[in-house]
């Protein structure tokens, strides 16, 4: 089971059949990117390479931050390429749907949500980078779950 907010978003996207409508929605999401950008008190460029999303053409970075509950994380992002609208949009979506969500649900998110969100016509290079963004988020959830079970 994935986070309920993400499940709802994917259901909404399943009804968007017009490519231009999908693009407009994603551009609107990317316009909110500053809301999810990593704050300077957490990290400042040049960023630690451990936070870099592999294979992302937009030079995206992900941070998983402790949340109020030890069973959740908050996610923050940066995208260094100002043209990286797809990475920015996905960062906003992942923040909205995964920050504060149960770790087991975040860990269960499949990479193919990229195709559900961006459409099957997403290029291989862009798709790989976006899937890398999803992988970084799910990996952080897996790591947090692992550290919790080690503490028990």
C-alpha atoms as a PDB file:
ATOM      1  CA  UNK A   1       0.000   0.000   0.000  1.00  0.00           C
ATOM      2  CA  UNK A   2       1.350   3.420  -0.991  1.00  0.00           C
ATOM      3  CA  UNK A   3       0.584   6.727   0.764  1.00  0.00           C
ATOM      4  CA  UNK A   4      -3.107   7.583   0.369  1.00  0.00           C
ATOM      5  CA  UNK A   5      -2.370  11.059  -1.033  1.00  0.00           C
ATOM      6  CA  UNK A   6      -0.221   9.506  -3.762  1.00  0.00           C
ATOM      7  CA  UNK A   7      -2.863   6.880  -4.505  1.00  0.00           C
ATOM      8  CA  UNK A   8      -5.458   9.659  -4.908  1.00  0.00           C
ATOM      9  CA  UNK A   9      -3.140  11.671  -7.155  1.00  0.00           C
ATOM     10  CA  UNK A  10      -2.457   8.646  -9.368  1.00  0.00           C
ATOM     11  CA  UNK A  11      -6.190   8.016  -9.642  1.00  0.00           C
ATOM     12  CA  UNK A  12      -6.709  11.643 -10.690  1.00  0.00           C
ATOM     13  CA  UNK A  13      -3.944  11.313 -13.284  1.00  0.00           C
ATOM     14  CA  UNK A  14      -5.567   8.202 -14.723  1.00  0.00           C
ATOM     15  CA  UNK A  15      -8.423  10.448 -15.913  1.00  0.00           C
ATOM     16  CA  UNK A  16      -6.138  12.984 -17.604  1.00  0.00           C
ATOM     17  CA  UNK A  17      -5.970  11.807 -21.196  1.00  0.00           C
ATOM     18  CA  UNK A  18      -5.078  15.135 -22.788  1.00  0.00           C
ATOM     19  CA  UNK A  19      -1.303  15.616 -22.947  1.00  0.00           C
ATOM     20  CA  UNK A  20      -1.586  19.421 -22.722  1.00  0.00           C
ATOM     21  CA  UNK A  21      -3.735  19.187 -19.591  1.00  0.00           C
ATOM     22  CA  UNK A  22      -1.141  16.872 -17.994  1.00  0.00           C
ATOM     23  CA  UNK A  23       1.672  19.260 -18.912  1.00  0.00           C
ATOM     24  CA  UNK A  24      -0.221  22.263 -17.513  1.00  0.00           C
ATOM     25  CA  UNK A  25      -0.846  20.420 -14.229  1.00  0.00           C
ATOM     26  CA  UNK A  26       2.838  19.469 -13.929  1.00  0.00           C
ATOM     27  CA  UNK A  27       3.986  23.022 -14.689  1.00  0.00           C
ATOM     28  CA  UNK A  28       1.665  24.293 -11.936  1.00  0.00           C
ATOM     29  CA  UNK A  29       3.247  21.762  -9.557  1.00  0.00           C
ATOM     30  CA  UNK A  30       6.760  22.839 -10.583  1.00  0.00           C
ATOM     31  CA  UNK A  31       5.795  26.455  -9.844  1.00  0.00           C
ATOM     32  CA  UNK A  32       5.464  25.413  -6.169  1.00  0.00           C
ATOM     33  CA  UNK A  33       9.004  24.015  -6.025  1.00  0.00           C
ATOM     34  CA  UNK A  34      10.318  26.689  -3.640  1.00  0.00           C
ATOM     35  CA  UNK A  35       7.952  25.255  -0.993  1.00  0.00           C
ATOM     36  CA  UNK A  36       9.913  21.974  -0.988  1.00  0.00           C
ATOM     37  CA  UNK A  37      13.438  23.309  -1.589  1.00  0.00           C
ATOM     38  CA  UNK A  38      15.973  22.281   1.044  1.00  0.00           C
ATOM     39  CA  UNK A  39      16.358  25.125   3.556  1.00  0.00           C
ATOM     40  CA  UNK A  40      19.838  26.637   3.959  1.00  0.00           C
ATOM     41  CA  UNK A  41      20.056  25.470   7.581  1.00  0.00           C
ATOM     42  CA  UNK A  42      19.876  21.859   6.306  1.00  0.00           C
ATOM     43  CA  UNK A  43      22.200  22.113   3.289  1.00  0.00           C
ATOM     44  CA  UNK A  44      23.790  24.638   0.972  1.00  0.00           C
ATOM     45  CA  UNK A  45      25.603  24.185  -2.333  1.00  0.00           C
ATOM     46  CA  UNK A  46      27.875  22.519  -3.094  1.00  0.00           C
ATOM     47  CA  UNK A  47      25.806  19.615  -1.788  1.00  0.00           C
ATOM     48  CA  UNK A  48      27.105  16.329  -0.445  1.00  0.00           C
ATOM     49  CA  UNK A  49      27.091  13.856  -3.330  1.00  0.00           C
ATOM     50  CA  UNK A  50      25.275  11.322  -1.131  1.00  0.00           C
ATOM     51  CA  UNK A  51      22.124  13.382  -1.743  1.00  0.00           C
ATOM     52  CA  UNK A  52      22.483  13.510  -5.548  1.00  0.00           C
ATOM     53  CA  UNK A  53      19.895  11.608  -7.581  1.00  0.00           C
ATOM     54  CA  UNK A  54      21.756   9.194  -9.880  1.00  0.00           C
ATOM     55  CA  UNK A  55      21.101   9.563 -13.615  1.00  0.00           C
ATOM     56  CA  UNK A  56      19.111  12.775 -13.188  1.00  0.00           C
ATOM     57  CA  UNK A  57      19.854  15.229 -15.992  1.00  0.00           C
ATOM     58  CA  UNK A  58      18.507  18.084 -13.855  1.00  0.00           C
ATOM     59  CA  UNK A  59      21.030  17.661 -11.029  1.00  0.00           C
ATOM     60  CA  UNK A  60      18.416  16.835  -8.402  1.00  0.00           C
ATOM     61  CA  UNK A  61      19.160  16.207  -4.725  1.00  0.00           C
ATOM     62  CA  UNK A  62      17.041  14.654  -1.955  1.00  0.00           C
ATOM     63  CA  UNK A  63      17.131  14.972   1.836  1.00  0.00           C
ATOM     64  CA  UNK A  64      15.128  12.834   4.241  1.00  0.00           C
ATOM     65  CA  UNK A  65      14.677  14.728   7.482  1.00  0.00           C
ATOM     66  CA  UNK A  66      13.367  13.525  10.834  1.00  0.00           C
ATOM     67  CA  UNK A  67       9.686  14.229  11.387  1.00  0.00           C
ATOM     68  CA  UNK A  68       7.720  14.704  14.579  1.00  0.00           C
ATOM     69  CA  UNK A  69       6.882  11.011  14.511  1.00  0.00           C
ATOM     70  CA  UNK A  70       9.692   8.467  14.262  1.00  0.00           C
ATOM     71  CA  UNK A  71       7.446   6.537  11.868  1.00  0.00           C
ATOM     72  CA  UNK A  72       7.614   9.258   9.211  1.00  0.00           C
ATOM     73  CA  UNK A  73      10.106  11.450   7.392  1.00  0.00           C
ATOM     74  CA  UNK A  74       9.932  14.860   5.777  1.00  0.00           C
ATOM     75  CA  UNK A  75      11.522  15.254   2.364  1.00  0.00           C
ATOM     76  CA  UNK A  76      13.240  18.268   0.871  1.00  0.00           C
ATOM     77  CA  UNK A  77      14.780  18.673  -2.555  1.00  0.00           C
ATOM     78  CA  UNK A  78      16.855  20.825  -4.807  1.00  0.00           C
ATOM     79  CA  UNK A  79      17.077  20.860  -8.577  1.00  0.00           C
ATOM     80  CA  UNK A  80      20.079  22.787  -9.834  1.00  0.00           C
ATOM     81  CA  UNK A  81      18.991  22.936 -13.484  1.00  0.00           C
ATOM     82  CA  UNK A  82      16.489  25.812 -13.766  1.00  0.00           C
ATOM     83  CA  UNK A  83      14.991  23.999 -16.792  1.00  0.00           C
ATOM     84  CA  UNK A  84      14.358  20.839 -14.733  1.00  0.00           C
ATOM     85  CA  UNK A  85      10.602  21.357 -14.507  1.00  0.00           C
ATOM     86  CA  UNK A  86       9.811  17.631 -14.510  1.00  0.00           C
ATOM     87  CA  UNK A  87      12.157  16.999 -11.582  1.00  0.00           C
ATOM     88  CA  UNK A  88      10.719  20.026  -9.764  1.00  0.00           C
ATOM     89  CA  UNK A  89       7.147  18.824 -10.340  1.00  0.00           C
ATOM     90  CA  UNK A  90       7.959  15.321  -9.112  1.00  0.00           C
ATOM     91  CA  UNK A  91       9.740  16.754  -6.049  1.00  0.00           C
ATOM     92  CA  UNK A  92       6.579  18.709  -5.172  1.00  0.00           C
ATOM     93  CA  UNK A  93       4.436  15.594  -5.674  1.00  0.00           C
ATOM     94  CA  UNK A  94       6.739  13.422  -3.568  1.00  0.00           C
ATOM     95  CA  UNK A  95       6.859  16.032  -0.820  1.00  0.00           C
ATOM     96  CA  UNK A  96       3.085  16.498  -0.801  1.00  0.00           C
ATOM     97  CA  UNK A  97       2.396  12.758  -0.790  1.00  0.00           C
ATOM     98  CA  UNK A  98       5.302  11.298   1.192  1.00  0.00           C
ATOM     99  CA  UNK A  99       6.335  13.812   3.847  1.00  0.00           C
ATOM    100  CA  UNK A 100       4.632  12.676   7.027  1.00  0.00           C
ATOM    101  CA  UNK A 101       3.305   9.473   5.433  1.00  0.00           C
ATOM    102  CA  UNK A 102       3.905   6.093   7.111  1.00  0.00           C
ATOM    103  CA  UNK A 103       7.368   4.789   6.220  1.00  0.00           C
ATOM    104  CA  UNK A 104       6.092   1.388   5.114  1.00  0.00           C
ATOM    105  CA  UNK A 105       3.816   3.071   2.585  1.00  0.00           C
ATOM    106  CA  UNK A 106       6.598   5.329   1.280  1.00  0.00           C
ATOM    107  CA  UNK A 107       8.920   2.328   0.982  1.00  0.00           C
ATOM    108  CA  UNK A 108       6.284   0.532  -1.130  1.00  0.00           C
ATOM    109  CA  UNK A 109       6.095   3.187  -3.869  1.00  0.00           C
ATOM    110  CA  UNK A 110       6.973   1.603  -7.235  1.00  0.00           C
ATOM    111  CA  UNK A 111       9.195   3.438  -9.708  1.00  0.00           C
ATOM    112  CA  UNK A 112       6.566   3.135 -12.422  1.00  0.00           C
ATOM    113  CA  UNK A 113       4.576   5.951 -10.821  1.00  0.00           C
ATOM    114  CA  UNK A 114       6.762   8.119 -13.061  1.00  0.00           C
ATOM    115  CA  UNK A 115       4.975   6.724 -16.113  1.00  0.00           C
ATOM    116  CA  UNK A 116       1.575   7.155 -14.479  1.00  0.00           C
ATOM    117  CA  UNK A 117       2.341  10.808 -13.721  1.00  0.00           C
ATOM    118  CA  UNK A 118       4.331  11.899 -16.773  1.00  0.00           C
ATOM    119  CA  UNK A 119       2.863   9.581 -19.379  1.00  0.00           C
ATOM    120  CA  UNK A 120       4.408   6.807 -21.393  1.00  0.00           C
ATOM    121  CA  UNK A 121       5.998   9.266 -23.817  1.00  0.00           C
ATOM    122  CA  UNK A 122       8.552  10.439 -21.222  1.00  0.00           C
ATOM    123  CA  UNK A 123      12.039  10.048 -22.705  1.00  0.00           C
ATOM    124  CA  UNK A 124      14.270   7.261 -21.425  1.00  0.00           C
ATOM    125  CA  UNK A 125      16.851   9.688 -20.015  1.00  0.00           C
ATOM    126  CA  UNK A 126      14.298  11.850 -18.251  1.00  0.00           C
ATOM    127  CA  UNK A 127      12.423   8.777 -17.042  1.00  0.00           C
ATOM    128  CA  UNK A 128      15.563   7.280 -15.520  1.00  0.00           C
ATOM    129  CA  UNK A 129      16.298  10.481 -13.612  1.00  0.00           C
ATOM    130  CA  UNK A 130      12.733  10.779 -12.357  1.00  0.00           C
ATOM    131  CA  UNK A 131      12.717   7.129 -11.298  1.00  0.00           C
ATOM    132  CA  UNK A 132      15.976   7.864  -9.469  1.00  0.00           C
ATOM    133  CA  UNK A 133      14.177  10.580  -7.529  1.00  0.00           C
ATOM    134  CA  UNK A 134      11.510   8.070  -6.481  1.00  0.00           C
ATOM    135  CA  UNK A 135      14.217   5.551  -5.565  1.00  0.00           C
ATOM    136  CA  UNK A 136      15.989   8.057  -3.308  1.00  0.00           C
ATOM    137  CA  UNK A 137      12.751   8.703  -1.401  1.00  0.00           C
ATOM    138  CA  UNK A 138      11.832   5.017  -1.055  1.00  0.00           C
ATOM    139  CA  UNK A 139      15.413   4.127  -0.088  1.00  0.00           C
ATOM    140  CA  UNK A 140      15.349   6.706   2.723  1.00  0.00           C
ATOM    141  CA  UNK A 141      12.119   5.137   4.012  1.00  0.00           C
ATOM    142  CA  UNK A 142      13.685   1.659   3.863  1.00  0.00           C
ATOM    143  CA  UNK A 143      16.759   2.901   5.747  1.00  0.00           C
ATOM    144  CA  UNK A 144      14.632   4.514   8.456  1.00  0.00           C
ATOM    145  CA  UNK A 145      12.585   1.324   8.811  1.00  0.00           C
ATOM    146  CA  UNK A 146      15.821  -0.674   9.082  1.00  0.00           C
ATOM    147  CA  UNK A 147      17.236   1.578  11.781  1.00  0.00           C
ATOM    148  CA  UNK A 148      13.978   1.313  13.733  1.00  0.00           C
ATOM    149  CA  UNK A 149      14.043  -2.488  13.657  1.00  0.00           C
ATOM    150  CA  UNK A 150      17.729  -2.433  14.712  1.00  0.00           C
ATOM    151  CA  UNK A 151      16.779  -0.308  17.733  1.00  0.00           C
ATOM    152  CA  UNK A 152      13.987  -2.692  18.762  1.00  0.00           C
END
